[in-house]
ModelCIF file with pLDDT and N, C-alpha, C, O atoms, coordinates in Angstrom:
data_MODEL
#
_entry.id   MODEL 
#
_entity.id                         1 
_entity.type                       polymer 
_entity.pdbx_number_of_molecules   1 
#
_entity_poly.entity_id                      1 
_entity_poly.type                           'polypeptide(L)' 
_entity_poly.nstd_linkage                   no 
_entity_poly.nstd_monomer                   no 
_entity_poly.pdbx_seq_one_letter_code       
;(UNK)(UNK)(UNK)(UNK)(UNK)(UNK)(UNK)(UNK)(UNK)(UNK)(UNK)(UNK)(UNK)(UNK)(UNK)(UNK)
(UNK)(UNK)(UNK)(UNK)(UNK)(UNK)(UNK)(UNK)(UNK)(UNK)(UNK)(UNK)(UNK)(UNK)(UNK)(UNK)
(UNK)
;
_entity_poly.pdbx_seq_one_letter_code_can   XXXXXXXXXXXXXXXXXXXXXXXXXXXXXXXXX 
_entity_poly.pdbx_strand_id                 A 
#
loop_
_entity_poly_seq.entity_id 
_entity_poly_seq.num 
_entity_poly_seq.mon_id 
_entity_poly_seq.hetero 
1 1  UNK n 
1 2  UNK n 
1 3  UNK n 
1 4  UNK n 
1 5  UNK n 
1 6  UNK n 
1 7  UNK n 
1 8  UNK n 
1 9  UNK n 
1 10 UNK n 
1 11 UNK n 
1 12 UNK n 
1 13 UNK n 
1 14 UNK n 
1 15 UNK n 
1 16 UNK n 
1 17 UNK n 
1 18 UNK n 
1 19 UNK n 
1 20 UNK n 
1 21 UNK n 
1 22 UNK n 
1 23 UNK n 
1 24 UNK n 
1 25 UNK n 
1 26 UNK n 
1 27 UNK n 
1 28 UNK n 
1 29 UNK n 
1 30 UNK n 
1 31 UNK n 
1 32 UNK n 
1 33 UNK n 
#
_struct_asym.id          A 
_struct_asym.entity_id   1 
#
loop_
_ma_qa_metric.id 
_ma_qa_metric.mode 
_ma_qa_metric.name 
_ma_qa_metric.software_group_id 
_ma_qa_metric.type 
1 global pLDDT . pLDDT 
2 local  pLDDT . pLDDT 
#
_ma_qa_metric_global.metric_id      1 
_ma_qa_metric_global.metric_value   90.61 
_ma_qa_metric_global.model_id       1 
_ma_qa_metric_global.ordinal_id     1 
#
loop_
_ma_qa_metric_local.label_asym_id 
_ma_qa_metric_local.label_comp_id 
_ma_qa_metric_local.label_seq_id 
_ma_qa_metric_local.metric_id 
_ma_qa_metric_local.metric_value 
_ma_qa_metric_local.model_id 
_ma_qa_metric_local.ordinal_id 
A UNK 1  2 96.00 1 1  
A UNK 2  2 95.00 1 2  
A UNK 3  2 95.00 1 3  
A UNK 4  2 95.00 1 4  
A UNK 5  2 96.00 1 5  
A UNK 6  2 95.00 1 6  
A UNK 7  2 93.00 1 7  
A UNK 8  2 94.00 1 8  
A UNK 9  2 94.00 1 9  
A UNK 10 2 92.00 1 10 
A UNK 11 2 88.00 1 11 
A UNK 12 2 89.00 1 12 
A UNK 13 2 90.00 1 13 
A UNK 14 2 89.00 1 14 
A UNK 15 2 88.00 1 15 
A UNK 16 2 91.00 1 16 
A UNK 17 2 88.00 1 17 
A UNK 18 2 87.00 1 18 
A UNK 19 2 92.00 1 19 
A UNK 20 2 92.00 1 20 
A UNK 21 2 88.00 1 21 
A UNK 22 2 90.00 1 22 
A UNK 23 2 93.00 1 23 
A UNK 24 2 90.00 1 24 
A UNK 25 2 87.00 1 25 
A UNK 26 2 91.00 1 26 
A UNK 27 2 91.00 1 27 
A UNK 28 2 84.00 1 28 
A UNK 29 2 82.00 1 29 
A UNK 30 2 87.00 1 30 
A UNK 31 2 85.00 1 31 
A UNK 32 2 89.00 1 32 
A UNK 33 2 94.00 1 33 
#
loop_
_atom_site.group_PDB 
_atom_site.id 
_atom_site.type_symbol 
_atom_site.label_atom_id 
_atom_site.label_alt_id 
_atom_site.label_comp_id 
_atom_site.label_asym_id 
_atom_site.label_entity_id 
_atom_site.label_seq_id 
_atom_site.pdbx_PDB_ins_code 
_atom_site.Cartn_x 
_atom_site.Cartn_y 
_atom_site.Cartn_z 
_atom_site.occupancy 
_atom_site.B_iso_or_equiv 
_atom_site.pdbx_formal_charge 
_atom_site.auth_seq_id 
_atom_site.auth_comp_id 
_atom_site.auth_asym_id 
_atom_site.auth_atom_id 
_atom_site.pdbx_PDB_model_num 
ATOM 1   N N  . UNK A 1 1  ? 91.818 51.977 92.061  1.00 96.00 ? 1  UNK A N  1 
ATOM 2   C CA . UNK A 1 1  ? 93.106 51.720 91.423  1.00 96.00 ? 1  UNK A CA 1 
ATOM 3   C C  . UNK A 1 1  ? 93.078 52.121 89.954  1.00 96.00 ? 1  UNK A C  1 
ATOM 4   O O  . UNK A 1 1  ? 92.055 51.983 89.282  1.00 96.00 ? 1  UNK A O  1 
ATOM 5   N N  . UNK A 1 2  ? 94.206 52.617 89.463  1.00 95.00 ? 2  UNK A N  1 
ATOM 6   C CA . UNK A 1 2  ? 94.279 53.059 88.069  1.00 95.00 ? 2  UNK A CA 1 
ATOM 7   C C  . UNK A 1 2  ? 94.017 51.908 87.094  1.00 95.00 ? 2  UNK A C  1 
ATOM 8   O O  . UNK A 1 2  ? 93.406 52.108 86.045  1.00 95.00 ? 2  UNK A O  1 
ATOM 9   N N  . UNK A 1 3  ? 94.486 50.691 87.444  1.00 95.00 ? 3  UNK A N  1 
ATOM 10  C CA . UNK A 1 3  ? 94.224 49.538 86.572  1.00 95.00 ? 3  UNK A CA 1 
ATOM 11  C C  . UNK A 1 3  ? 92.729 49.226 86.518  1.00 95.00 ? 3  UNK A C  1 
ATOM 12  O O  . UNK A 1 3  ? 92.210 48.803 85.485  1.00 95.00 ? 3  UNK A O  1 
ATOM 13  N N  . UNK A 1 4  ? 92.052 49.437 87.629  1.00 95.00 ? 4  UNK A N  1 
ATOM 14  C CA . UNK A 1 4  ? 90.607 49.208 87.661  1.00 95.00 ? 4  UNK A CA 1 
ATOM 15  C C  . UNK A 1 4  ? 89.877 50.231 86.800  1.00 95.00 ? 4  UNK A C  1 
ATOM 16  O O  . UNK A 1 4  ? 88.920 49.893 86.102  1.00 95.00 ? 4  UNK A O  1 
ATOM 17  N N  . UNK A 1 5  ? 90.332 51.489 86.851  1.00 96.00 ? 5  UNK A N  1 
ATOM 18  C CA . UNK A 1 5  ? 89.722 52.514 86.012  1.00 96.00 ? 5  UNK A CA 1 
ATOM 19  C C  . UNK A 1 5  ? 89.886 52.166 84.536  1.00 96.00 ? 5  UNK A C  1 
ATOM 20  O O  . UNK A 1 5  ? 88.936 52.265 83.760  1.00 96.00 ? 5  UNK A O  1 
ATOM 21  N N  . UNK A 1 6  ? 91.079 51.764 84.160  1.00 95.00 ? 6  UNK A N  1 
ATOM 22  C CA . UNK A 1 6  ? 91.327 51.437 82.757  1.00 95.00 ? 6  UNK A CA 1 
ATOM 23  C C  . UNK A 1 6  ? 90.510 50.224 82.321  1.00 95.00 ? 6  UNK A C  1 
ATOM 24  O O  . UNK A 1 6  ? 90.005 50.190 81.199  1.00 95.00 ? 6  UNK A O  1 
ATOM 25  N N  . UNK A 1 7  ? 90.377 49.238 83.190  1.00 93.00 ? 7  UNK A N  1 
ATOM 26  C CA . UNK A 1 7  ? 89.584 48.051 82.853  1.00 93.00 ? 7  UNK A CA 1 
ATOM 27  C C  . UNK A 1 7  ? 88.130 48.418 82.600  1.00 93.00 ? 7  UNK A C  1 
ATOM 28  O O  . UNK A 1 7  ? 87.484 47.859 81.714  1.00 93.00 ? 7  UNK A O  1 
ATOM 29  N N  . UNK A 1 8  ? 87.619 49.364 83.386  1.00 94.00 ? 8  UNK A N  1 
ATOM 30  C CA . UNK A 1 8  ? 86.234 49.801 83.195  1.00 94.00 ? 8  UNK A CA 1 
ATOM 31  C C  . UNK A 1 8  ? 86.084 50.523 81.860  1.00 94.00 ? 8  UNK A C  1 
ATOM 32  O O  . UNK A 1 8  ? 85.094 50.326 81.156  1.00 94.00 ? 8  UNK A O  1 
ATOM 33  N N  . UNK A 1 9  ? 87.047 51.343 81.513  1.00 94.00 ? 9  UNK A N  1 
ATOM 34  C CA . UNK A 1 9  ? 87.014 52.022 80.215  1.00 94.00 ? 9  UNK A CA 1 
ATOM 35  C C  . UNK A 1 9  ? 87.118 51.014 79.075  1.00 94.00 ? 9  UNK A C  1 
ATOM 36  O O  . UNK A 1 9  ? 86.388 51.115 78.089  1.00 94.00 ? 9  UNK A O  1 
ATOM 37  N N  . UNK A 1 10 ? 88.021 50.044 79.204  1.00 92.00 ? 10 UNK A N  1 
ATOM 38  C CA . UNK A 1 10 ? 88.191 49.036 78.155  1.00 92.00 ? 10 UNK A CA 1 
ATOM 39  C C  . UNK A 1 10 ? 86.906 48.246 77.929  1.00 92.00 ? 10 UNK A C  1 
ATOM 40  O O  . UNK A 1 10 ? 86.575 47.891 76.798  1.00 92.00 ? 10 UNK A O  1 
ATOM 41  N N  . UNK A 1 11 ? 86.187 47.976 79.015  1.00 88.00 ? 11 UNK A N  1 
ATOM 42  C CA . UNK A 1 11 ? 84.997 47.134 78.913  1.00 88.00 ? 11 UNK A CA 1 
ATOM 43  C C  . UNK A 1 11 ? 83.775 47.904 78.422  1.00 88.00 ? 11 UNK A C  1 
ATOM 44  O O  . UNK A 1 11 ? 82.992 47.381 77.629  1.00 88.00 ? 11 UNK A O  1 
ATOM 45  N N  . UNK A 1 12 ? 83.606 49.147 78.888  1.00 89.00 ? 12 UNK A N  1 
ATOM 46  C CA . UNK A 1 12 ? 82.345 49.860 78.642  1.00 89.00 ? 12 UNK A CA 1 
ATOM 47  C C  . UNK A 1 12 ? 82.537 51.259 78.079  1.00 89.00 ? 12 UNK A C  1 
ATOM 48  O O  . UNK A 1 12 ? 81.577 52.025 77.996  1.00 89.00 ? 12 UNK A O  1 
ATOM 49  N N  . UNK A 1 13 ? 83.738 51.601 77.699  1.00 90.00 ? 13 UNK A N  1 
ATOM 50  C CA . UNK A 1 13 ? 84.011 52.962 77.237  1.00 90.00 ? 13 UNK A CA 1 
ATOM 51  C C  . UNK A 1 13 ? 83.243 53.382 76.011  1.00 90.00 ? 13 UNK A C  1 
ATOM 52  O O  . UNK A 1 13 ? 83.067 54.578 75.778  1.00 90.00 ? 13 UNK A O  1 
ATOM 53  N N  . UNK A 1 14 ? 82.780 52.433 75.216  1.00 89.00 ? 14 UNK A N  1 
ATOM 54  C CA . UNK A 1 14 ? 81.995 52.794 74.028  1.00 89.00 ? 14 UNK A CA 1 
ATOM 55  C C  . UNK A 1 14 ? 80.607 53.297 74.381  1.00 89.00 ? 14 UNK A C  1 
ATOM 56  O O  . UNK A 1 14 ? 79.925 53.865 73.528  1.00 89.00 ? 14 UNK A O  1 
ATOM 57  N N  . UNK A 1 15 ? 80.180 53.102 75.608  1.00 88.00 ? 15 UNK A N  1 
ATOM 58  C CA . UNK A 1 15 ? 78.865 53.550 76.064  1.00 88.00 ? 15 UNK A CA 1 
ATOM 59  C C  . UNK A 1 15 ? 79.036 54.295 77.386  1.00 88.00 ? 15 UNK A C  1 
ATOM 60  O O  . UNK A 1 15 ? 78.987 53.673 78.447  1.00 88.00 ? 15 UNK A O  1 
ATOM 61  N N  . UNK A 1 16 ? 79.238 55.622 77.345  1.00 91.00 ? 16 UNK A N  1 
ATOM 62  C CA . UNK A 1 16 ? 79.516 56.366 78.578  1.00 91.00 ? 16 UNK A CA 1 
ATOM 63  C C  . UNK A 1 16 ? 78.447 56.199 79.653  1.00 91.00 ? 16 UNK A C  1 
ATOM 64  O O  . UNK A 1 16 ? 78.770 56.180 80.840  1.00 91.00 ? 16 UNK A O  1 
ATOM 65  N N  . UNK A 1 17 ? 77.178 56.075 79.258  1.00 88.00 ? 17 UNK A N  1 
ATOM 66  C CA . UNK A 1 17 ? 76.128 55.894 80.268  1.00 88.00 ? 17 UNK A CA 1 
ATOM 67  C C  . UNK A 1 17 ? 76.303 54.562 80.991  1.00 88.00 ? 17 UNK A C  1 
ATOM 68  O O  . UNK A 1 17 ? 76.193 54.491 82.215  1.00 88.00 ? 17 UNK A O  1 
ATOM 69  N N  . UNK A 1 18 ? 76.576 53.504 80.220  1.00 87.00 ? 18 UNK A N  1 
ATOM 70  C CA . UNK A 1 18 ? 76.784 52.196 80.837  1.00 87.00 ? 18 UNK A CA 1 
ATOM 71  C C  . UNK A 1 18 ? 78.031 52.212 81.715  1.00 87.00 ? 18 UNK A C  1 
ATOM 72  O O  . UNK A 1 18 ? 78.042 51.615 82.791  1.00 87.00 ? 18 UNK A O  1 
ATOM 73  N N  . UNK A 1 19 ? 79.066 52.886 81.266  1.00 92.00 ? 19 UNK A N  1 
ATOM 74  C CA . UNK A 1 19 ? 80.296 52.981 82.051  1.00 92.00 ? 19 UNK A CA 1 
ATOM 75  C C  . UNK A 1 19 ? 80.040 53.708 83.374  1.00 92.00 ? 19 UNK A C  1 
ATOM 76  O O  . UNK A 1 19 ? 80.480 53.260 84.433  1.00 92.00 ? 19 UNK A O  1 
ATOM 77  N N  . UNK A 1 20 ? 79.328 54.824 83.302  1.00 92.00 ? 20 UNK A N  1 
ATOM 78  C CA . UNK A 1 20 ? 79.015 55.571 84.525  1.00 92.00 ? 20 UNK A CA 1 
ATOM 79  C C  . UNK A 1 20 ? 78.096 54.773 85.437  1.00 92.00 ? 20 UNK A C  1 
ATOM 80  O O  . UNK A 1 20 ? 78.234 54.817 86.659  1.00 92.00 ? 20 UNK A O  1 
ATOM 81  N N  . UNK A 1 21 ? 77.152 54.041 84.837  1.00 88.00 ? 21 UNK A N  1 
ATOM 82  C CA . UNK A 1 21 ? 76.264 53.197 85.634  1.00 88.00 ? 21 UNK A CA 1 
ATOM 83  C C  . UNK A 1 21 ? 77.012 52.090 86.343  1.00 88.00 ? 21 UNK A C  1 
ATOM 84  O O  . UNK A 1 21 ? 76.729 51.780 87.501  1.00 88.00 ? 21 UNK A O  1 
ATOM 85  N N  . UNK A 1 22 ? 77.979 51.484 85.641  1.00 90.00 ? 22 UNK A N  1 
ATOM 86  C CA . UNK A 1 22 ? 78.781 50.426 86.251  1.00 90.00 ? 22 UNK A CA 1 
ATOM 87  C C  . UNK A 1 22 ? 79.613 50.971 87.402  1.00 90.00 ? 22 UNK A C  1 
ATOM 88  O O  . UNK A 1 22 ? 79.745 50.326 88.442  1.00 90.00 ? 22 UNK A O  1 
ATOM 89  N N  . UNK A 1 23 ? 80.173 52.158 87.213  1.00 93.00 ? 23 UNK A N  1 
ATOM 90  C CA . UNK A 1 23 ? 80.961 52.763 88.284  1.00 93.00 ? 23 UNK A CA 1 
ATOM 91  C C  . UNK A 1 23 ? 80.082 53.057 89.497  1.00 93.00 ? 23 UNK A C  1 
ATOM 92  O O  . UNK A 1 23 ? 80.484 52.815 90.635  1.00 93.00 ? 23 UNK A O  1 
ATOM 93  N N  . UNK A 1 24 ? 78.887 53.578 89.251  1.00 90.00 ? 24 UNK A N  1 
ATOM 94  C CA . UNK A 1 24 ? 77.972 53.851 90.360  1.00 90.00 ? 24 UNK A CA 1 
ATOM 95  C C  . UNK A 1 24 ? 77.651 52.571 91.123  1.00 90.00 ? 24 UNK A C  1 
ATOM 96  O O  . UNK A 1 24 ? 77.562 52.581 92.351  1.00 90.00 ? 24 UNK A O  1 
ATOM 97  N N  . UNK A 1 25 ? 77.478 51.467 90.393  1.00 87.00 ? 25 UNK A N  1 
ATOM 98  C CA . UNK A 1 25 ? 77.185 50.194 91.044  1.00 87.00 ? 25 UNK A CA 1 
ATOM 99  C C  . UNK A 1 25 ? 78.385 49.721 91.862  1.00 87.00 ? 25 UNK A C  1 
ATOM 100 O O  . UNK A 1 25 ? 78.223 49.223 92.976  1.00 87.00 ? 25 UNK A O  1 
ATOM 101 N N  . UNK A 1 26 ? 79.577 49.875 91.312  1.00 91.00 ? 26 UNK A N  1 
ATOM 102 C CA . UNK A 1 26 ? 80.781 49.487 92.046  1.00 91.00 ? 26 UNK A CA 1 
ATOM 103 C C  . UNK A 1 26 ? 80.944 50.326 93.313  1.00 91.00 ? 26 UNK A C  1 
ATOM 104 O O  . UNK A 1 26 ? 81.292 49.798 94.369  1.00 91.00 ? 26 UNK A O  1 
ATOM 105 N N  . UNK A 1 27 ? 80.693 51.623 93.208  1.00 91.00 ? 27 UNK A N  1 
ATOM 106 C CA . UNK A 1 27 ? 80.804 52.489 94.385  1.00 91.00 ? 27 UNK A CA 1 
ATOM 107 C C  . UNK A 1 27 ? 79.802 52.096 95.452  1.00 91.00 ? 27 UNK A C  1 
ATOM 108 O O  . UNK A 1 27 ? 80.057 52.249 96.647  1.00 91.00 ? 27 UNK A O  1 
ATOM 109 N N  . UNK A 1 28 ? 78.657 51.589 95.011  1.00 84.00 ? 28 UNK A N  1 
ATOM 110 C CA . UNK A 1 28 ? 77.629 51.160 95.960  1.00 84.00 ? 28 UNK A CA 1 
ATOM 111 C C  . UNK A 1 28 ? 77.958 49.807 96.583  1.00 84.00 ? 28 UNK A C  1 
ATOM 112 O O  . UNK A 1 28 ? 77.734 49.594 97.774  1.00 84.00 ? 28 UNK A O  1 
ATOM 113 N N  . UNK A 1 29 ? 78.494 48.888 95.766  1.00 82.00 ? 29 UNK A N  1 
ATOM 114 C CA . UNK A 1 29 ? 78.664 47.504 96.214  1.00 82.00 ? 29 UNK A CA 1 
ATOM 115 C C  . UNK A 1 29 ? 79.983 47.251 96.949  1.00 82.00 ? 29 UNK A C  1 
ATOM 116 O O  . UNK A 1 29 ? 80.055 46.380 97.817  1.00 82.00 ? 29 UNK A O  1 
ATOM 117 N N  . UNK A 1 30 ? 81.020 48.008 96.603  1.00 87.00 ? 30 UNK A N  1 
ATOM 118 C CA . UNK A 1 30 ? 82.361 47.739 97.132  1.00 87.00 ? 30 UNK A CA 1 
ATOM 119 C C  . UNK A 1 30 ? 82.673 48.713 98.260  1.00 87.00 ? 30 UNK A C  1 
ATOM 120 O O  . UNK A 1 30 ? 82.547 49.926 98.098  1.00 87.00 ? 30 UNK A O  1 
ATOM 121 N N  . UNK A 1 31 ? 83.077 48.175 99.394  1.00 85.00 ? 31 UNK A N  1 
ATOM 122 C CA . UNK A 1 31 ? 83.522 49.029 100.493 1.00 85.00 ? 31 UNK A CA 1 
ATOM 123 C C  . UNK A 1 31 ? 85.032 49.199 100.384 1.00 85.00 ? 31 UNK A C  1 
ATOM 124 O O  . UNK A 1 31 ? 85.750 48.250 100.068 1.00 85.00 ? 31 UNK A O  1 
ATOM 125 N N  . UNK A 1 32 ? 85.509 50.408 100.647 1.00 89.00 ? 32 UNK A N  1 
ATOM 126 C CA . UNK A 1 32 ? 86.935 50.658 100.546 1.00 89.00 ? 32 UNK A CA 1 
ATOM 127 C C  . UNK A 1 32 ? 87.366 50.922 99.116  1.00 89.00 ? 32 UNK A C  1 
ATOM 128 O O  . UNK A 1 32 ? 86.557 51.303 98.271  1.00 89.00 ? 32 UNK A O  1 
ATOM 129 N N  . UNK A 1 33 ? 88.631 50.718 98.858  1.00 94.00 ? 33 UNK A N  1 
ATOM 130 C CA . UNK A 1 33 ? 89.228 51.012 97.557  1.00 94.00 ? 33 UNK A CA 1 
ATOM 131 C C  . UNK A 1 33 ? 88.751 50.003 96.505  1.00 94.00 ? 33 UNK A C  1 
ATOM 132 O O  . UNK A 1 33 ? 89.148 50.089 95.343  1.00 94.00 ? 33 UNK A O  1 
#
């Protein structure tokens, strides 16, 4: 969801590596959208 993308940027956007790592973890942990 677009709101989820923005929330991730708001939380970790100052550290792109941490942001990408968090997204990778979400993709691994969450099934579906």
